[in-house]
N, C-alpha and C. Protein backbone atom coordinates (compact mmCIF):
# COMPACT_ATOMS: atom_id res chain seq x y z
N MET A 1 0.85 -1.19 0.00
CA MET A 1 0.00 0.00 0.00
C MET A 1 0.89 1.25 0.00
N PRO A 2 0.58 2.20 -0.88
CA PRO A 2 1.40 3.42 -0.93
C PRO A 2 1.27 4.23 0.37
N ASN A 3 2.33 4.97 0.69
CA ASN A 3 2.25 5.84 1.86
C ASN A 3 2.25 7.30 1.44
N ALA A 4 1.85 7.55 0.19
CA ALA A 4 1.73 8.90 -0.34
C ALA A 4 0.30 9.08 -0.85
N ALA A 5 -0.27 10.25 -0.59
CA ALA A 5 -1.69 10.44 -0.89
C ALA A 5 -1.94 11.76 -1.62
N ILE A 6 -3.06 11.76 -2.32
CA ILE A 6 -3.62 12.96 -2.94
C ILE A 6 -4.99 13.16 -2.29
N LEU A 7 -5.21 14.35 -1.78
CA LEU A 7 -6.46 14.67 -1.08
C LEU A 7 -7.25 15.67 -1.90
N CYS A 8 -8.53 15.36 -2.15
CA CYS A 8 -9.42 16.26 -2.88
C CYS A 8 -10.52 16.73 -1.93
N VAL A 9 -10.81 18.03 -1.98
CA VAL A 9 -11.78 18.62 -1.07
C VAL A 9 -12.79 19.43 -1.89
N ASP A 10 -14.06 19.04 -1.80
CA ASP A 10 -15.12 19.76 -2.50
C ASP A 10 -16.44 19.38 -1.84
N ASP A 11 -17.34 20.34 -1.71
CA ASP A 11 -18.61 20.04 -1.05
C ASP A 11 -19.61 19.36 -1.99
N GLU A 12 -19.24 19.18 -3.25
CA GLU A 12 -20.12 18.50 -4.20
C GLU A 12 -19.59 17.09 -4.46
N VAL A 13 -20.38 16.09 -4.07
CA VAL A 13 -19.97 14.69 -4.20
C VAL A 13 -19.70 14.33 -5.66
N VAL A 14 -20.48 14.86 -6.59
CA VAL A 14 -20.29 14.54 -8.00
C VAL A 14 -18.91 15.01 -8.49
N ILE A 15 -18.42 16.12 -7.97
CA ILE A 15 -17.07 16.61 -8.32
C ILE A 15 -16.03 15.64 -7.77
N LEU A 16 -16.20 15.23 -6.53
CA LEU A 16 -15.25 14.30 -5.92
C LEU A 16 -15.21 12.98 -6.68
N LYS A 17 -16.37 12.49 -7.10
CA LYS A 17 -16.43 11.24 -7.87
C LYS A 17 -15.69 11.40 -9.20
N SER A 18 -15.89 12.53 -9.88
CA SER A 18 -15.20 12.78 -11.15
C SER A 18 -13.69 12.82 -10.94
N LEU A 19 -13.26 13.50 -9.88
CA LEU A 19 -11.83 13.57 -9.59
C LEU A 19 -11.27 12.18 -9.29
N GLU A 20 -12.03 11.39 -8.55
CA GLU A 20 -11.59 10.04 -8.22
C GLU A 20 -11.35 9.22 -9.49
N ILE A 21 -12.30 9.28 -10.41
CA ILE A 21 -12.16 8.52 -11.67
C ILE A 21 -10.95 9.00 -12.44
N GLU A 22 -10.80 10.31 -12.58
CA GLU A 22 -9.68 10.86 -13.35
C GLU A 22 -8.32 10.53 -12.73
N LEU A 23 -8.23 10.63 -11.40
CA LEU A 23 -6.96 10.32 -10.73
C LEU A 23 -6.63 8.83 -10.84
N GLN A 24 -7.63 7.98 -10.65
CA GLN A 24 -7.40 6.53 -10.76
C GLN A 24 -6.93 6.17 -12.17
N GLU A 25 -7.56 6.77 -13.18
CA GLU A 25 -7.17 6.48 -14.56
C GLU A 25 -5.74 6.95 -14.85
N ALA A 26 -5.38 8.11 -14.32
CA ALA A 26 -4.07 8.68 -14.62
C ALA A 26 -2.93 8.07 -13.80
N PHE A 27 -3.20 7.78 -12.52
CA PHE A 27 -2.11 7.37 -11.62
C PHE A 27 -2.28 5.98 -11.02
N ALA A 28 -3.35 5.29 -11.41
CA ALA A 28 -3.62 3.92 -10.95
C ALA A 28 -3.49 3.81 -9.43
N SER A 29 -2.74 2.82 -8.97
CA SER A 29 -2.63 2.60 -7.52
C SER A 29 -1.30 3.13 -6.97
N ASN A 30 -0.71 4.11 -7.65
CA ASN A 30 0.55 4.68 -7.18
C ASN A 30 0.39 5.50 -5.91
N TYR A 31 -0.83 5.99 -5.66
CA TYR A 31 -1.10 6.86 -4.51
C TYR A 31 -2.38 6.42 -3.83
N LEU A 32 -2.52 6.82 -2.59
CA LEU A 32 -3.81 6.74 -1.91
C LEU A 32 -4.60 7.96 -2.34
N TYR A 33 -5.90 7.82 -2.48
CA TYR A 33 -6.76 8.95 -2.83
C TYR A 33 -7.77 9.11 -1.71
N GLU A 34 -7.87 10.30 -1.21
CA GLU A 34 -8.81 10.56 -0.13
C GLU A 34 -9.67 11.76 -0.54
N PHE A 35 -10.92 11.74 -0.08
CA PHE A 35 -11.88 12.75 -0.50
C PHE A 35 -12.63 13.28 0.71
N ALA A 36 -12.78 14.60 0.75
CA ALA A 36 -13.47 15.25 1.87
C ALA A 36 -14.49 16.23 1.32
N GLU A 37 -15.64 16.29 2.00
CA GLU A 37 -16.71 17.19 1.56
C GLU A 37 -16.67 18.54 2.25
N SER A 38 -15.67 18.78 3.09
CA SER A 38 -15.52 20.08 3.74
C SER A 38 -14.08 20.25 4.19
N ALA A 39 -13.72 21.49 4.45
CA ALA A 39 -12.37 21.76 4.96
C ALA A 39 -12.17 21.11 6.32
N ASP A 40 -13.19 21.13 7.16
CA ASP A 40 -13.07 20.51 8.48
C ASP A 40 -12.79 19.01 8.37
N GLU A 41 -13.52 18.34 7.48
CA GLU A 41 -13.29 16.91 7.27
C GLU A 41 -11.88 16.68 6.73
N ALA A 42 -11.44 17.53 5.83
CA ALA A 42 -10.10 17.41 5.25
C ALA A 42 -9.03 17.57 6.32
N LEU A 43 -9.22 18.52 7.23
CA LEU A 43 -8.24 18.73 8.30
C LEU A 43 -8.14 17.50 9.19
N GLU A 44 -9.27 16.83 9.44
CA GLU A 44 -9.25 15.58 10.22
C GLU A 44 -8.45 14.51 9.48
N ILE A 45 -8.68 14.39 8.18
CA ILE A 45 -7.95 13.40 7.38
C ILE A 45 -6.46 13.69 7.41
N ILE A 46 -6.09 14.95 7.27
CA ILE A 46 -4.68 15.34 7.27
C ILE A 46 -4.03 14.93 8.59
N ASP A 47 -4.71 15.19 9.70
CA ASP A 47 -4.16 14.82 11.01
C ASP A 47 -4.03 13.30 11.15
N GLU A 48 -5.05 12.56 10.69
CA GLU A 48 -5.00 11.10 10.75
C GLU A 48 -3.83 10.56 9.93
N PHE A 49 -3.69 11.08 8.72
CA PHE A 49 -2.59 10.64 7.86
C PHE A 49 -1.24 10.96 8.48
N ASP A 50 -1.14 12.12 9.10
CA ASP A 50 0.11 12.52 9.74
C ASP A 50 0.47 11.52 10.85
N GLU A 51 -0.52 11.11 11.63
CA GLU A 51 -0.29 10.14 12.70
C GLU A 51 0.11 8.77 12.14
N GLU A 52 -0.41 8.43 10.96
CA GLU A 52 -0.15 7.13 10.36
C GLU A 52 1.06 7.16 9.42
N ASP A 53 1.79 8.26 9.41
CA ASP A 53 2.96 8.44 8.53
C ASP A 53 2.62 8.29 7.05
N VAL A 54 1.42 8.71 6.67
CA VAL A 54 1.05 8.79 5.26
C VAL A 54 1.28 10.24 4.84
N ARG A 55 2.07 10.42 3.80
CA ARG A 55 2.45 11.76 3.37
C ARG A 55 1.47 12.25 2.30
N ILE A 56 0.79 13.35 2.59
CA ILE A 56 -0.07 13.96 1.58
C ILE A 56 0.83 14.79 0.67
N LEU A 57 0.82 14.45 -0.60
CA LEU A 57 1.66 15.15 -1.56
C LEU A 57 0.96 16.38 -2.13
N ILE A 58 -0.31 16.21 -2.45
CA ILE A 58 -1.07 17.28 -3.11
C ILE A 58 -2.47 17.36 -2.53
N ILE A 59 -2.95 18.58 -2.38
CA ILE A 59 -4.35 18.83 -2.04
C ILE A 59 -4.96 19.59 -3.20
N VAL A 60 -6.07 19.08 -3.71
CA VAL A 60 -6.87 19.78 -4.72
C VAL A 60 -8.15 20.22 -4.01
N SER A 61 -8.33 21.53 -3.87
CA SER A 61 -9.44 22.03 -3.06
C SER A 61 -10.30 23.03 -3.82
N ASP A 62 -11.58 22.92 -3.60
CA ASP A 62 -12.54 23.91 -4.06
C ASP A 62 -12.35 25.19 -3.23
N TRP A 63 -12.92 26.29 -3.68
CA TRP A 63 -12.87 27.51 -2.89
C TRP A 63 -14.17 27.72 -2.12
N LEU A 64 -15.29 27.70 -2.84
CA LEU A 64 -16.58 28.02 -2.20
C LEU A 64 -17.16 26.77 -1.56
N MET A 65 -16.98 26.68 -0.24
CA MET A 65 -17.50 25.54 0.53
C MET A 65 -18.12 26.10 1.80
N PRO A 66 -19.09 25.37 2.37
CA PRO A 66 -19.64 25.82 3.64
C PRO A 66 -18.56 25.82 4.73
N GLY A 67 -18.66 26.75 5.64
CA GLY A 67 -17.66 26.83 6.71
C GLY A 67 -16.42 27.54 6.22
N ILE A 68 -15.32 26.84 6.22
CA ILE A 68 -14.03 27.43 5.84
C ILE A 68 -13.91 27.47 4.31
N LYS A 69 -13.61 28.64 3.77
CA LYS A 69 -13.39 28.78 2.33
C LYS A 69 -12.04 28.14 1.96
N GLY A 70 -11.88 27.82 0.69
CA GLY A 70 -10.69 27.12 0.22
C GLY A 70 -9.38 27.84 0.50
N ASP A 71 -9.36 29.17 0.32
CA ASP A 71 -8.11 29.89 0.56
C ASP A 71 -7.72 29.83 2.03
N GLU A 72 -8.71 29.98 2.92
CA GLU A 72 -8.43 29.91 4.36
C GLU A 72 -7.95 28.50 4.74
N PHE A 73 -8.59 27.49 4.18
CA PHE A 73 -8.21 26.10 4.43
C PHE A 73 -6.77 25.84 4.00
N LEU A 74 -6.44 26.27 2.79
CA LEU A 74 -5.09 26.03 2.27
C LEU A 74 -4.04 26.79 3.08
N ILE A 75 -4.37 27.96 3.56
CA ILE A 75 -3.45 28.72 4.41
C ILE A 75 -3.21 27.96 5.72
N GLN A 76 -4.28 27.43 6.32
CA GLN A 76 -4.14 26.65 7.56
C GLN A 76 -3.24 25.43 7.32
N VAL A 77 -3.48 24.75 6.21
CA VAL A 77 -2.66 23.56 5.88
C VAL A 77 -1.21 23.97 5.71
N HIS A 78 -0.98 25.06 4.99
CA HIS A 78 0.38 25.50 4.70
C HIS A 78 1.14 25.84 5.98
N GLN A 79 0.46 26.41 6.96
CA GLN A 79 1.13 26.78 8.20
C GLN A 79 1.65 25.55 8.94
N LYS A 80 0.94 24.44 8.83
CA LYS A 80 1.33 23.23 9.55
C LYS A 80 2.14 22.26 8.66
N PHE A 81 1.81 22.24 7.36
CA PHE A 81 2.46 21.31 6.41
C PHE A 81 2.87 22.07 5.15
N PRO A 82 3.91 22.87 5.23
CA PRO A 82 4.27 23.73 4.09
C PRO A 82 4.71 22.98 2.83
N LYS A 83 5.09 21.72 2.97
CA LYS A 83 5.58 20.98 1.80
C LYS A 83 4.45 20.39 0.94
N ILE A 84 3.23 20.35 1.47
CA ILE A 84 2.11 19.84 0.66
C ILE A 84 1.86 20.83 -0.47
N ILE A 85 1.74 20.30 -1.67
CA ILE A 85 1.44 21.15 -2.83
C ILE A 85 -0.06 21.41 -2.86
N LYS A 86 -0.41 22.68 -3.07
CA LYS A 86 -1.80 23.07 -3.00
C LYS A 86 -2.30 23.59 -4.35
N VAL A 87 -3.41 22.98 -4.82
CA VAL A 87 -4.05 23.37 -6.07
C VAL A 87 -5.50 23.75 -5.74
N MET A 88 -5.95 24.87 -6.25
CA MET A 88 -7.34 25.26 -6.08
C MET A 88 -8.09 24.94 -7.37
N LEU A 89 -9.22 24.28 -7.24
CA LEU A 89 -10.07 23.92 -8.37
C LEU A 89 -11.42 24.56 -8.09
N THR A 90 -11.75 25.63 -8.80
CA THR A 90 -12.90 26.42 -8.40
C THR A 90 -13.64 27.00 -9.59
N GLY A 91 -14.88 27.26 -9.37
CA GLY A 91 -15.67 27.97 -10.37
C GLY A 91 -16.02 29.36 -9.91
N GLN A 92 -15.70 29.68 -8.64
CA GLN A 92 -16.21 30.93 -8.10
C GLN A 92 -15.24 31.76 -7.28
N ALA A 93 -14.01 31.37 -7.18
CA ALA A 93 -13.07 32.14 -6.34
C ALA A 93 -12.83 33.51 -6.96
N ASP A 94 -12.80 34.52 -6.11
CA ASP A 94 -12.47 35.85 -6.61
C ASP A 94 -10.95 36.01 -6.63
N GLU A 95 -10.50 37.02 -7.34
CA GLU A 95 -9.05 37.24 -7.50
C GLU A 95 -8.35 37.45 -6.15
N GLU A 96 -9.03 38.11 -5.21
CA GLU A 96 -8.42 38.35 -3.89
C GLU A 96 -8.16 37.03 -3.17
N ALA A 97 -9.10 36.10 -3.26
CA ALA A 97 -8.93 34.80 -2.59
C ALA A 97 -7.77 34.02 -3.21
N ILE A 98 -7.69 34.07 -4.53
CA ILE A 98 -6.60 33.37 -5.22
C ILE A 98 -5.26 34.01 -4.84
N GLU A 99 -5.23 35.32 -4.82
CA GLU A 99 -4.00 36.04 -4.45
C GLU A 99 -3.59 35.72 -3.01
N ARG A 100 -4.57 35.67 -2.10
CA ARG A 100 -4.29 35.33 -0.70
C ARG A 100 -3.68 33.93 -0.61
N ALA A 101 -4.26 32.99 -1.35
CA ALA A 101 -3.75 31.62 -1.34
C ALA A 101 -2.34 31.55 -1.94
N GLU A 102 -2.10 32.35 -2.97
CA GLU A 102 -0.75 32.37 -3.56
C GLU A 102 0.27 32.92 -2.57
N GLN A 103 -0.10 33.99 -1.89
CA GLN A 103 0.84 34.65 -0.97
C GLN A 103 1.03 33.89 0.34
N HIS A 104 -0.05 33.36 0.89
CA HIS A 104 0.01 32.80 2.24
C HIS A 104 -0.04 31.28 2.31
N ALA A 105 -0.33 30.63 1.17
CA ALA A 105 -0.39 29.16 1.18
C ALA A 105 0.51 28.57 0.10
N ASN A 106 1.27 29.42 -0.57
CA ASN A 106 2.14 28.96 -1.65
C ASN A 106 1.34 28.14 -2.67
N LEU A 107 0.19 28.69 -3.08
CA LEU A 107 -0.68 28.02 -4.05
C LEU A 107 0.10 27.69 -5.30
N TYR A 108 0.07 26.43 -5.69
CA TYR A 108 0.82 25.99 -6.87
C TYR A 108 0.11 26.41 -8.16
N ARG A 109 -1.21 26.23 -8.17
CA ARG A 109 -1.97 26.54 -9.38
C ARG A 109 -3.44 26.68 -9.04
N CYS A 110 -4.13 27.51 -9.79
CA CYS A 110 -5.59 27.62 -9.68
C CYS A 110 -6.19 27.20 -11.01
N LEU A 111 -7.02 26.16 -10.97
CA LEU A 111 -7.73 25.68 -12.15
C LEU A 111 -9.21 26.04 -11.98
N HIS A 112 -9.87 26.29 -13.10
CA HIS A 112 -11.26 26.73 -13.04
C HIS A 112 -12.21 25.65 -13.53
N LYS A 113 -13.34 25.55 -12.84
CA LYS A 113 -14.41 24.62 -13.23
C LYS A 113 -15.20 25.26 -14.36
N PRO A 114 -15.69 24.50 -15.30
CA PRO A 114 -15.38 23.09 -15.48
C PRO A 114 -13.94 22.93 -15.95
N TRP A 115 -13.23 21.99 -15.36
CA TRP A 115 -11.82 21.85 -15.65
C TRP A 115 -11.60 20.95 -16.87
N ASN A 116 -10.43 21.08 -17.42
CA ASN A 116 -9.98 20.25 -18.52
C ASN A 116 -9.18 19.11 -17.91
N ARG A 117 -9.56 17.88 -18.20
CA ARG A 117 -8.92 16.70 -17.59
C ARG A 117 -7.41 16.71 -17.81
N GLU A 118 -6.98 16.98 -19.05
CA GLU A 118 -5.55 16.97 -19.36
C GLU A 118 -4.81 18.03 -18.56
N GLU A 119 -5.42 19.20 -18.42
CA GLU A 119 -4.78 20.29 -17.66
C GLU A 119 -4.64 19.90 -16.19
N LEU A 120 -5.67 19.27 -15.64
CA LEU A 120 -5.61 18.82 -14.25
C LEU A 120 -4.50 17.79 -14.06
N ILE A 121 -4.47 16.78 -14.91
CA ILE A 121 -3.48 15.72 -14.78
C ILE A 121 -2.07 16.27 -15.00
N GLN A 122 -1.90 17.14 -15.99
CA GLN A 122 -0.58 17.75 -16.22
C GLN A 122 -0.15 18.59 -15.02
N THR A 123 -1.09 19.31 -14.41
CA THR A 123 -0.77 20.11 -13.23
C THR A 123 -0.28 19.21 -12.11
N ILE A 124 -0.98 18.11 -11.88
CA ILE A 124 -0.59 17.18 -10.80
C ILE A 124 0.76 16.52 -11.13
N GLN A 125 0.94 16.12 -12.40
CA GLN A 125 2.21 15.50 -12.79
C GLN A 125 3.38 16.47 -12.61
N SER A 126 3.20 17.72 -13.02
CA SER A 126 4.31 18.69 -12.88
C SER A 126 4.56 19.00 -11.41
N ALA A 127 3.51 19.01 -10.61
CA ALA A 127 3.70 19.24 -9.17
C ALA A 127 4.46 18.08 -8.54
N LEU A 128 4.09 16.86 -8.90
CA LEU A 128 4.76 15.67 -8.35
C LEU A 128 6.23 15.63 -8.77
N ALA A 129 6.51 16.13 -9.96
CA ALA A 129 7.90 16.13 -10.45
C ALA A 129 8.79 17.06 -9.62
N GLN A 130 8.20 18.02 -8.92
CA GLN A 130 8.97 18.94 -8.09
C GLN A 130 9.31 18.36 -6.72
N LEU A 131 8.67 17.28 -6.37
CA LEU A 131 8.90 16.69 -5.03
C LEU A 131 10.20 15.91 -4.98
């Protein structure tokens, strides 16, 4: 079982299912894939993985979610785990939120919904190549 993971965070289950299919097709069983429907759930997963010595390599997060917005979530993650690569996948983030995530969470890339599968996979592949 791999000890490296990709975490996807979105409040829409259909988005998470699409991401799961695309990641499985592109990367097979090279990584663990975890999915959270909120930033709070994602933070719990991150803590659990940290305790189990599973390294989260990349987080793909929506911006507009109930509770904690994506930029705030990614900033929190960055403060505790600065080496995790952070990608925002959003249809509604404003420029200020993206800029905040770039400045305070070292945002790797912002992709817009509806996303292009090849662009998403290439973004993840180029991010993984930097590790």
